[in-house]
């Protein structure tokens, strides 16, 4: 049971995405886990063949508990050919007839040594030969669903580790082929519209989520020395560029201000590293990459902040697409483990609700939270001239153990500079 967040100490397996005998690769989805915050897909950390489930459906176990056993088909298959070996081959599962296993195929390299598996309850299967058509990294459930829906896996963009294709990726590809993608114009946190419709959380789930979030925020306020800064950012150039790009786009593909705000926040975090990283027992650890957490309000109550990976390196158009997808999967309860555990800095916004400024609470172990309010028209004086500009209030909540007002001011100033020249984002 992996840790799916800094405050997670247990999880419940609610669905298996693989069955005994399936060959899985690193990054393939193997299970769906329910936590106090949300429901997430869990990926395999290794290549291998599924042996047995170690945790039953509906069973809640602590973080770190093994939930499924993986074996290496090639190593187990070689054991019968070694009568003088150290141990006997594993017995086949009672539900299956014994298999006559020959020596490994010539196309497979001999394994270096057998992997001990004292609790194996199914007979391991040889790993398929690597010859033949190129294998698309995907979960077994995704492959079966793609075959059922007639979706070409090569045409599906994978969102898993190393680009692996998940069941959710296949479903999105099927939906995209059938109808336009929703606009997702209210994509950033605390929004109550946009994204695909999602089922309401089960009774009691919203209260559990609220309690977990409240506990984490209370811990943050009690242990993290917050300081707060704010500035008003001129968005006239950004809004003009956005409107120009949207003229030739269908409604479903149009950009919204959030795409530019998030990109600016991510690039500024890369350039001011004291805002991007974690506070640990050993002190501050700067993030090697910028994984931008985006606070998303869930229908029926609750809040999660999954990460847009490498947000600073994404073109604005691609960031917008990934944002729509992330919000939709958050509300459908289909987030990935890495999306909930990897955020290095978080952004929140209540602009679509009419709020002009929001001062967030830092999500431990992160060290900064950025807030954006509503885009409004303001009187603006510059070079002795008075006019009207579109503007947004940007705020920063930061950890005083890592930075101070000087560093925080540099961060907000850099956001403002980037939004004055949005064509460079």
Protein backbone atom coordinates (compact mmCIF):
# COMPACT_ATOMS: atom_id res chain seq x y z
CA UNK A 1 0.00 0.00 0.00
CA UNK A 2 1.82 3.10 -1.21
CA UNK A 3 1.60 6.48 0.46
CA UNK A 4 -0.70 8.62 -1.64
CA UNK A 5 -0.16 11.82 0.32
CA UNK A 6 1.79 13.29 3.20
CA UNK A 7 -1.06 12.69 5.65
CA UNK A 8 -2.11 9.21 4.53
CA UNK A 9 -1.55 6.32 6.94
CA UNK A 10 -3.94 3.67 5.55
CA UNK A 11 -5.88 2.77 2.42
CA UNK A 12 -8.58 0.36 1.22
CA UNK A 13 -8.39 -1.76 -1.93
CA UNK A 14 -11.70 -1.35 -3.78
CA UNK A 15 -10.88 -2.87 -7.19
CA UNK A 16 -8.22 -5.09 -8.76
CA UNK A 17 -7.23 -4.13 -12.30
CA UNK A 18 -5.13 -7.28 -12.86
CA UNK A 19 -5.67 -10.97 -12.16
CA UNK A 20 -3.28 -13.79 -11.24
CA UNK A 21 -1.19 -14.78 -14.25
CA UNK A 22 -1.21 -11.30 -15.87
CA UNK A 23 2.18 -9.95 -16.93
CA UNK A 24 2.59 -6.37 -15.70
CA UNK A 25 5.25 -3.75 -16.26
CA UNK A 26 6.45 -0.83 -14.18
CA UNK A 27 3.80 1.88 -14.42
CA UNK A 28 0.89 -0.45 -15.25
CA UNK A 29 -2.19 0.09 -13.10
CA UNK A 30 -2.84 -2.81 -10.73
CA UNK A 31 -5.44 -1.65 -8.21
CA UNK A 32 -7.85 1.09 -7.19
CA UNK A 33 -7.38 2.36 -3.63
CA UNK A 34 -9.79 4.41 -1.54
CA UNK A 35 -8.28 6.89 0.93
CA UNK A 36 -9.82 9.45 3.25
CA UNK A 37 -9.41 12.03 0.47
CA UNK A 38 -10.19 10.33 -2.82
CA UNK A 39 -10.10 7.15 -4.90
CA UNK A 40 -6.86 6.61 -6.82
CA UNK A 41 -5.27 4.18 -9.25
CA UNK A 42 -2.10 2.47 -7.99
CA UNK A 43 0.68 1.54 -10.41
CA UNK A 44 3.10 -1.37 -10.26
CA UNK A 45 6.60 -0.49 -9.11
CA UNK A 46 8.20 -3.49 -10.87
CA UNK A 47 7.93 -5.76 -13.92
CA UNK A 48 6.65 -9.28 -13.28
CA UNK A 49 3.76 -11.73 -13.31
CA UNK A 50 0.86 -11.39 -10.87
CA UNK A 51 1.01 -14.22 -8.35
CA UNK A 52 -1.59 -13.67 -5.64
CA UNK A 53 -3.57 -10.96 -3.91
CA UNK A 54 -2.34 -10.35 -0.37
CA UNK A 55 -5.18 -7.96 0.55
CA UNK A 56 -8.86 -8.62 -0.05
CA UNK A 57 -11.34 -6.22 -1.64
CA UNK A 58 -12.69 -3.80 0.93
CA UNK A 59 -9.84 -4.48 3.34
CA UNK A 60 -8.18 -1.43 4.93
CA UNK A 61 -4.46 -1.78 5.63
CA UNK A 62 -1.65 0.55 6.79
CA UNK A 63 0.70 2.23 4.34
CA UNK A 64 3.60 -0.10 3.54
CA UNK A 65 1.55 -3.32 3.70
CA UNK A 66 2.17 -5.62 0.68
CA UNK A 67 -1.06 -5.90 -1.33
CA UNK A 68 -0.10 -8.17 -4.25
CA UNK A 69 2.77 -10.54 -4.99
CA UNK A 70 4.68 -10.37 -8.27
CA UNK A 71 6.92 -13.17 -9.55
CA UNK A 72 9.29 -13.55 -12.47
CA UNK A 73 7.93 -16.09 -14.90
CA UNK A 74 11.30 -16.94 -16.47
CA UNK A 75 12.99 -17.67 -13.15
CA UNK A 76 10.23 -19.94 -11.89
CA UNK A 77 10.02 -21.78 -15.21
CA UNK A 78 13.69 -22.72 -15.06
CA UNK A 79 13.48 -24.42 -11.67
CA UNK A 80 12.23 -27.84 -12.88
CA UNK A 81 15.30 -28.13 -15.12
CA UNK A 82 17.60 -27.77 -12.07
CA UNK A 83 17.15 -31.02 -10.07
CA UNK A 84 20.17 -30.20 -7.97
CA UNK A 85 18.92 -26.72 -7.07
CA UNK A 86 18.42 -25.34 -3.60
CA UNK A 87 14.63 -25.50 -3.53
CA UNK A 88 11.64 -27.11 -5.16
CA UNK A 89 9.52 -25.38 -7.75
CA UNK A 90 6.33 -23.77 -6.50
CA UNK A 91 3.26 -25.98 -6.65
CA UNK A 92 0.49 -24.87 -9.02
CA UNK A 93 -2.65 -23.32 -7.66
CA UNK A 94 -5.35 -25.84 -6.68
CA UNK A 95 -7.77 -24.17 -9.11
CA UNK A 96 -5.54 -24.87 -12.12
CA UNK A 97 -4.22 -28.16 -13.56
CA UNK A 98 -0.45 -28.71 -13.30
CA UNK A 99 1.53 -27.24 -16.15
CA UNK A 100 4.26 -29.02 -18.03
CA UNK A 101 6.93 -26.34 -18.17
CA UNK A 102 9.79 -26.77 -20.58
CA UNK A 103 13.07 -24.90 -20.66
CA UNK A 104 12.74 -21.16 -21.30
CA UNK A 105 12.25 -20.14 -24.96
CA UNK A 106 15.45 -19.38 -26.82
CA UNK A 107 14.39 -15.77 -27.23
CA UNK A 108 14.45 -15.19 -23.48
CA UNK A 109 17.73 -14.64 -21.62
CA UNK A 110 18.33 -16.98 -18.69
CA UNK A 111 17.55 -15.26 -15.39
CA UNK A 112 20.39 -14.58 -13.02
CA UNK A 113 18.74 -16.33 -10.06
CA UNK A 114 15.30 -17.50 -8.92
CA UNK A 115 13.22 -15.06 -6.91
CA UNK A 116 12.12 -16.60 -3.59
CA UNK A 117 8.34 -16.69 -3.27
CA UNK A 118 7.35 -18.54 -0.12
CA UNK A 119 3.64 -17.74 -0.46
CA UNK A 120 3.14 -18.21 -4.19
CA UNK A 121 -0.21 -19.84 -4.80
CA UNK A 122 -0.42 -19.83 -8.59
CA UNK A 123 1.92 -21.32 -11.13
CA UNK A 124 4.04 -18.60 -12.73
CA UNK A 125 3.76 -17.99 -16.46
CA UNK A 126 6.65 -17.35 -18.84
CA UNK A 127 7.06 -13.70 -19.78
CA UNK A 128 6.06 -13.23 -23.43
CA UNK A 129 8.84 -13.04 -25.98
CA UNK A 130 9.90 -9.49 -26.83
CA UNK A 131 9.86 -10.29 -30.55
CA UNK A 132 6.93 -9.21 -32.70
CA UNK A 133 5.01 -5.93 -32.83
CA UNK A 134 6.05 -3.11 -30.53
CA UNK A 135 4.28 -3.38 -27.19
CA UNK A 136 2.38 -0.31 -26.00
CA UNK A 137 2.86 0.17 -22.26
CA UNK A 138 -0.62 -0.31 -20.81
CA UNK A 139 -2.54 -2.05 -18.05
CA UNK A 140 -4.27 -5.36 -18.82
CA UNK A 141 -7.65 -3.75 -18.15
CA UNK A 142 -6.81 -0.95 -20.61
CA UNK A 143 -5.90 -3.49 -23.30
CA UNK A 144 -9.12 -5.44 -22.82
CA UNK A 145 -11.22 -2.27 -22.84
CA UNK A 146 -9.47 -0.94 -25.96
CA UNK A 147 -10.17 -4.18 -27.79
CA UNK A 148 -13.83 -4.04 -26.72
CA UNK A 149 -14.28 -0.40 -27.79
CA UNK A 150 -12.20 -0.69 -30.95
CA UNK A 151 -9.62 1.87 -29.79
CA UNK A 152 -6.08 1.75 -31.22
CA UNK A 153 -3.72 1.90 -28.22
CA UNK A 154 -1.01 3.48 -30.36
CA UNK A 155 -3.28 6.51 -30.81
CA UNK A 156 -3.98 6.90 -27.08
CA UNK A 157 -1.89 9.32 -25.02
CA UNK A 158 -0.87 7.58 -21.80
CA UNK A 159 -0.87 9.46 -18.51
CA UNK A 160 0.85 6.79 -16.41
CA UNK A 161 4.52 6.50 -15.57
CA UNK A 162 6.72 6.44 -18.67
CA UNK A 163 3.62 7.11 -20.79
CA UNK A 164 1.73 3.91 -19.93
CA UNK A 165 -1.92 3.79 -21.03
CA UNK A 166 -4.56 3.33 -18.32
CA UNK A 167 -8.22 2.37 -18.46
CA UNK A 168 -9.12 6.03 -17.93
CA UNK A 169 -6.95 7.03 -20.93
CA UNK A 170 -8.83 4.54 -23.15
CA UNK A 171 -12.22 5.77 -21.94
CA UNK A 172 -11.21 9.38 -22.61
CA UNK A 173 -10.07 8.44 -26.12
CA UNK A 174 -13.42 6.74 -26.77
CA UNK A 175 -15.35 9.75 -25.46
CA UNK A 176 -13.24 12.15 -27.51
CA UNK A 177 -14.05 10.17 -30.63
CA UNK A 178 -17.77 10.34 -29.88
CA UNK A 179 -18.25 13.93 -28.76
CA UNK A 180 -16.39 17.20 -28.11
CA UNK A 181 -14.30 17.51 -24.96
CA UNK A 182 -15.93 19.75 -22.30
CA UNK A 183 -14.51 23.23 -22.12
CA UNK A 184 -13.40 23.02 -18.51
CA UNK A 185 -13.33 26.81 -18.27
CA UNK A 186 -13.62 26.65 -14.50
CA UNK A 187 -10.68 24.34 -14.16
CA UNK A 188 -8.90 25.70 -11.13
CA UNK A 189 -9.72 25.01 -7.53
CA UNK A 190 -12.91 25.57 -5.68
CA UNK A 191 -14.69 25.71 -9.02
CA UNK A 192 -18.17 24.29 -9.13
CA UNK A 193 -18.46 23.87 -12.91
CA UNK A 194 -16.52 22.42 -15.84
CA UNK A 195 -15.08 18.96 -16.45
CA UNK A 196 -17.06 15.75 -16.91
CA UNK A 197 -19.96 14.95 -14.64
CA UNK A 198 -18.92 12.75 -11.76
CA UNK A 199 -20.85 10.61 -9.36
CA UNK A 200 -21.55 12.09 -5.97
CA UNK A 201 -19.32 10.74 -3.19
CA UNK A 202 -20.92 7.98 -1.14
CA UNK A 203 -22.69 8.94 2.07
CA UNK A 204 -20.18 9.84 4.74
CA UNK A 205 -17.28 10.16 2.29
CA UNK A 206 -17.51 13.96 2.12
CA UNK A 207 -17.45 14.19 5.91
CA UNK A 208 -14.41 11.90 6.08
CA UNK A 209 -12.65 13.97 3.44
CA UNK A 210 -13.47 17.19 5.27
CA UNK A 211 -12.13 15.77 8.53
CA UNK A 212 -8.89 14.60 6.87
CA UNK A 213 -8.39 17.96 5.18
CA UNK A 214 -9.15 19.85 8.36
CA UNK A 215 -6.64 17.76 10.31
CA UNK A 216 -3.91 18.41 7.73
CA UNK A 217 -4.61 22.16 7.63
CA UNK A 218 -4.65 22.38 11.44
CA UNK A 219 -1.27 20.67 11.52
CA UNK A 220 0.03 23.08 8.89
CA UNK A 221 -1.10 26.19 10.77
CA UNK A 222 0.27 24.82 14.04
CA UNK A 223 3.71 23.80 12.77
CA UNK A 224 4.48 25.90 9.68
CA UNK A 225 5.38 29.59 10.23
CA UNK A 226 3.36 31.18 7.44
CA UNK A 227 3.94 34.62 6.01
CA UNK A 228 1.72 36.27 3.39
CA UNK A 229 2.26 38.63 0.45
CA UNK A 230 0.01 39.91 -2.32
CA UNK A 231 0.27 41.98 -5.48
CA UNK A 232 -2.00 43.16 -8.29
CA UNK A 233 -0.98 41.86 -11.71
CA UNK A 234 -1.78 43.58 -15.01
CA UNK A 235 -3.41 40.92 -17.20
CA UNK A 236 -4.23 43.10 -20.21
CA UNK A 237 -1.54 41.57 -22.45
CA UNK A 238 -2.42 38.04 -21.35
CA UNK A 239 -6.14 38.48 -21.95
CA UNK A 240 -5.53 40.05 -25.37
CA UNK A 241 -3.30 37.14 -26.42
CA UNK A 242 -5.80 34.59 -25.11
CA UNK A 243 -8.68 36.17 -27.02
CA UNK A 244 -6.59 36.29 -30.20
CA UNK A 245 -5.74 32.58 -29.96
CA UNK A 246 -9.34 31.63 -29.16
CA UNK A 247 -10.73 33.29 -32.31
CA UNK A 248 -9.82 30.31 -34.47
CA UNK A 249 -10.52 27.56 -31.93
CA UNK A 250 -13.64 25.53 -31.25
CA UNK A 251 -15.27 26.17 -27.90
CA UNK A 252 -14.00 22.87 -26.49
CA UNK A 253 -10.37 23.82 -27.18
CA UNK A 254 -10.37 27.44 -26.03
CA UNK A 255 -7.89 28.69 -23.48
CA UNK A 256 -8.93 30.22 -20.16
CA UNK A 257 -6.93 32.61 -17.94
CA UNK A 258 -6.10 29.75 -15.56
CA UNK A 259 -3.78 28.20 -18.16
CA UNK A 260 -1.58 31.30 -18.25
CA UNK A 261 -1.72 31.84 -14.49
CA UNK A 262 -0.65 28.27 -13.76
CA UNK A 263 2.14 28.37 -16.33
CA UNK A 264 3.49 31.63 -14.89
CA UNK A 265 3.34 30.22 -11.34
CA UNK A 266 5.25 27.11 -12.45
CA UNK A 267 7.97 28.97 -14.36
CA UNK A 268 8.46 31.41 -11.47
CA UNK A 269 8.77 28.45 -9.07
CA UNK A 270 11.56 27.02 -11.22
CA UNK A 271 13.39 30.36 -11.19
CA UNK A 272 12.84 30.98 -7.46
CA UNK A 273 13.59 27.50 -6.06
CA UNK A 274 12.92 28.46 -2.43
CA UNK A 275 9.21 28.24 -3.29
CA UNK A 276 9.43 24.78 -4.86
CA UNK A 277 10.17 21.77 -2.68
CA UNK A 278 9.64 20.17 0.72
CA UNK A 279 10.46 20.77 4.36
CA UNK A 280 11.89 17.56 5.82
CA UNK A 281 13.49 16.48 9.09
CA UNK A 282 16.82 17.46 7.53
CA UNK A 283 15.61 20.90 6.42
CA UNK A 284 14.55 22.22 3.03
CA UNK A 285 14.86 19.94 -0.02
CA UNK A 286 14.40 21.86 -3.27
CA UNK A 287 12.31 20.11 -5.92
CA UNK A 288 14.28 18.92 -8.92
CA UNK A 289 11.22 19.52 -11.10
CA UNK A 290 8.08 21.63 -10.83
CA UNK A 291 4.99 19.52 -10.16
CA UNK A 292 2.22 22.07 -9.74
CA UNK A 293 -0.57 21.03 -7.39
CA UNK A 294 -3.97 22.35 -8.47
CA UNK A 295 -6.67 22.60 -5.80
CA UNK A 296 -9.91 21.10 -7.17
CA UNK A 297 -13.30 21.20 -5.44
CA UNK A 298 -15.15 17.89 -5.59
CA UNK A 299 -18.87 17.70 -6.26
CA UNK A 300 -20.60 16.77 -3.06
CA UNK A 301 -17.91 18.41 -0.92
CA UNK A 302 -14.22 18.15 -0.28
CA UNK A 303 -11.02 19.32 -1.90
CA UNK A 304 -8.00 17.60 -3.46
CA UNK A 305 -4.83 19.05 -4.99
CA UNK A 306 -3.38 16.66 -7.61
CA UNK A 307 -0.19 17.59 -9.47
CA UNK A 308 0.39 18.71 -13.04
CA UNK A 309 3.80 17.13 -13.63
CA UNK A 310 6.55 19.32 -15.14
CA UNK A 311 4.10 22.19 -15.49
CA UNK A 312 6.89 24.70 -16.15
CA UNK A 313 7.92 22.82 -19.31
CA UNK A 314 4.42 22.40 -20.79
CA UNK A 315 3.27 24.72 -23.60
CA UNK A 316 0.16 26.64 -22.55
CA UNK A 317 -2.06 24.65 -24.92
CA UNK A 318 -0.85 21.31 -23.54
CA UNK A 319 -1.12 22.55 -19.97
CA UNK A 320 -4.74 23.51 -20.66
CA UNK A 321 -5.51 20.02 -21.99
CA UNK A 322 -3.85 18.31 -19.03
CA UNK A 323 -5.68 20.63 -16.64
CA UNK A 324 -9.09 19.68 -18.08
CA UNK A 325 -8.16 16.01 -17.85
CA UNK A 326 -6.84 16.31 -14.30
CA UNK A 327 -9.96 18.07 -13.03
CA UNK A 328 -12.25 15.55 -14.72
CA UNK A 329 -10.40 12.56 -13.24
CA UNK A 330 -10.22 14.19 -9.80
CA UNK A 331 -13.99 14.55 -9.74
CA UNK A 332 -14.45 11.03 -11.10
CA UNK A 333 -12.13 9.59 -8.43
CA UNK A 334 -9.56 8.28 -10.96
CA UNK A 335 -6.36 10.03 -9.94
CA UNK A 336 -2.97 8.34 -9.98
CA UNK A 337 -0.79 7.82 -6.92
CA UNK A 338 1.94 10.08 -8.30
CA UNK A 339 -0.52 12.89 -8.94
CA UNK A 340 -1.49 12.96 -5.28
CA UNK A 341 1.99 12.53 -3.82
CA UNK A 342 4.31 14.52 -6.11
CA UNK A 343 3.17 18.17 -5.91
CA UNK A 344 6.04 20.54 -5.06
CA UNK A 345 3.95 23.75 -4.86
CA UNK A 346 0.17 24.26 -4.96
CA UNK A 347 -2.07 26.86 -6.64
CA UNK A 348 -5.61 27.68 -5.57
CA UNK A 349 -8.21 30.07 -6.97
CA UNK A 350 -11.71 31.20 -6.08
CA UNK A 351 -11.94 33.64 -8.97
CA UNK A 352 -14.91 31.96 -10.66
CA UNK A 353 -16.86 32.41 -7.41
CA UNK A 354 -16.24 36.15 -7.42
CA UNK A 355 -13.49 36.16 -4.77
CA UNK A 356 -10.82 38.76 -5.55
CA UNK A 357 -8.06 37.40 -3.28
CA UNK A 358 -7.40 34.10 -1.52
CA UNK A 359 -4.66 33.41 1.06
CA UNK A 360 -4.22 29.65 1.18
CA UNK A 361 -2.82 27.35 3.85
CA UNK A 362 0.39 25.55 2.87
CA UNK A 363 0.02 21.81 2.19
CA UNK A 364 2.80 20.04 4.17
CA UNK A 365 5.50 19.11 3.38
CA UNK A 366 5.38 21.79 0.65
CA UNK A 367 6.65 25.26 1.51
CA UNK A 368 4.43 27.58 -0.54
CA UNK A 369 0.85 28.11 -1.72
CA UNK A 370 -0.11 30.52 -4.52
CA UNK A 371 -3.55 32.09 -4.81
CA UNK A 372 -5.29 33.84 -7.72
CA UNK A 373 -8.52 35.80 -7.50
CA UNK A 374 -11.05 36.99 -10.05
CA UNK A 375 -9.96 38.81 -13.21
CA UNK A 376 -11.50 42.28 -12.90
CA UNK A 377 -11.31 45.66 -14.61
CA UNK A 378 -9.46 48.20 -12.47
CA UNK A 379 -8.48 51.85 -12.83
CA UNK A 380 -4.77 51.82 -13.63
CA UNK A 381 -2.33 54.70 -13.47
CA UNK A 382 0.94 54.41 -15.40
CA UNK A 383 3.39 57.04 -16.65
CA UNK A 384 1.05 59.81 -15.55
CA UNK A 385 -1.87 58.39 -17.53
CA UNK A 386 -5.03 56.88 -16.09
CA UNK A 387 -6.84 54.03 -17.81
CA UNK A 388 -8.67 50.77 -17.26
CA UNK A 389 -6.83 47.45 -17.18
CA UNK A 390 -7.82 43.85 -16.60
CA UNK A 391 -6.03 42.67 -13.49
CA UNK A 392 -5.84 39.81 -10.99
CA UNK A 393 -4.69 39.68 -7.36
CA UNK A 394 -1.91 37.15 -6.84
CA UNK A 395 -1.11 36.04 -3.29
CA UNK A 396 1.60 33.94 -1.70
CA UNK A 397 1.60 31.93 1.52
CA UNK A 398 5.15 30.77 2.23
CA UNK A 399 7.15 28.96 4.91
CA UNK A 400 9.35 31.37 6.90
CA UNK A 401 11.79 28.55 7.70
CA UNK A 402 12.76 28.46 4.02
CA UNK A 403 12.24 31.99 2.70
CA UNK A 404 11.34 35.51 3.76
CA UNK A 405 9.65 38.54 2.27
CA UNK A 406 12.57 39.17 -0.10
CA UNK A 407 12.31 35.75 -1.71
CA UNK A 408 8.53 35.81 -1.71
CA UNK A 409 8.51 39.26 -3.30
CA UNK A 410 10.85 38.04 -6.04
CA UNK A 411 8.52 35.17 -6.75
CA UNK A 412 5.40 37.35 -7.13
CA UNK A 413 7.33 39.91 -9.17
CA UNK A 414 8.48 37.18 -11.54
CA UNK A 415 4.88 36.01 -12.01
CA UNK A 416 3.92 39.58 -12.91
CA UNK A 417 6.80 39.90 -15.40
CA UNK A 418 5.85 36.66 -17.12
CA UNK A 419 2.21 37.68 -17.48
CA UNK A 420 3.21 41.02 -19.02
CA UNK A 421 4.89 39.05 -21.85
CA UNK A 422 2.57 36.02 -22.18
CA UNK A 423 3.80 35.15 -25.68
CA UNK A 424 7.02 33.92 -24.04
CA UNK A 425 5.22 31.44 -21.77
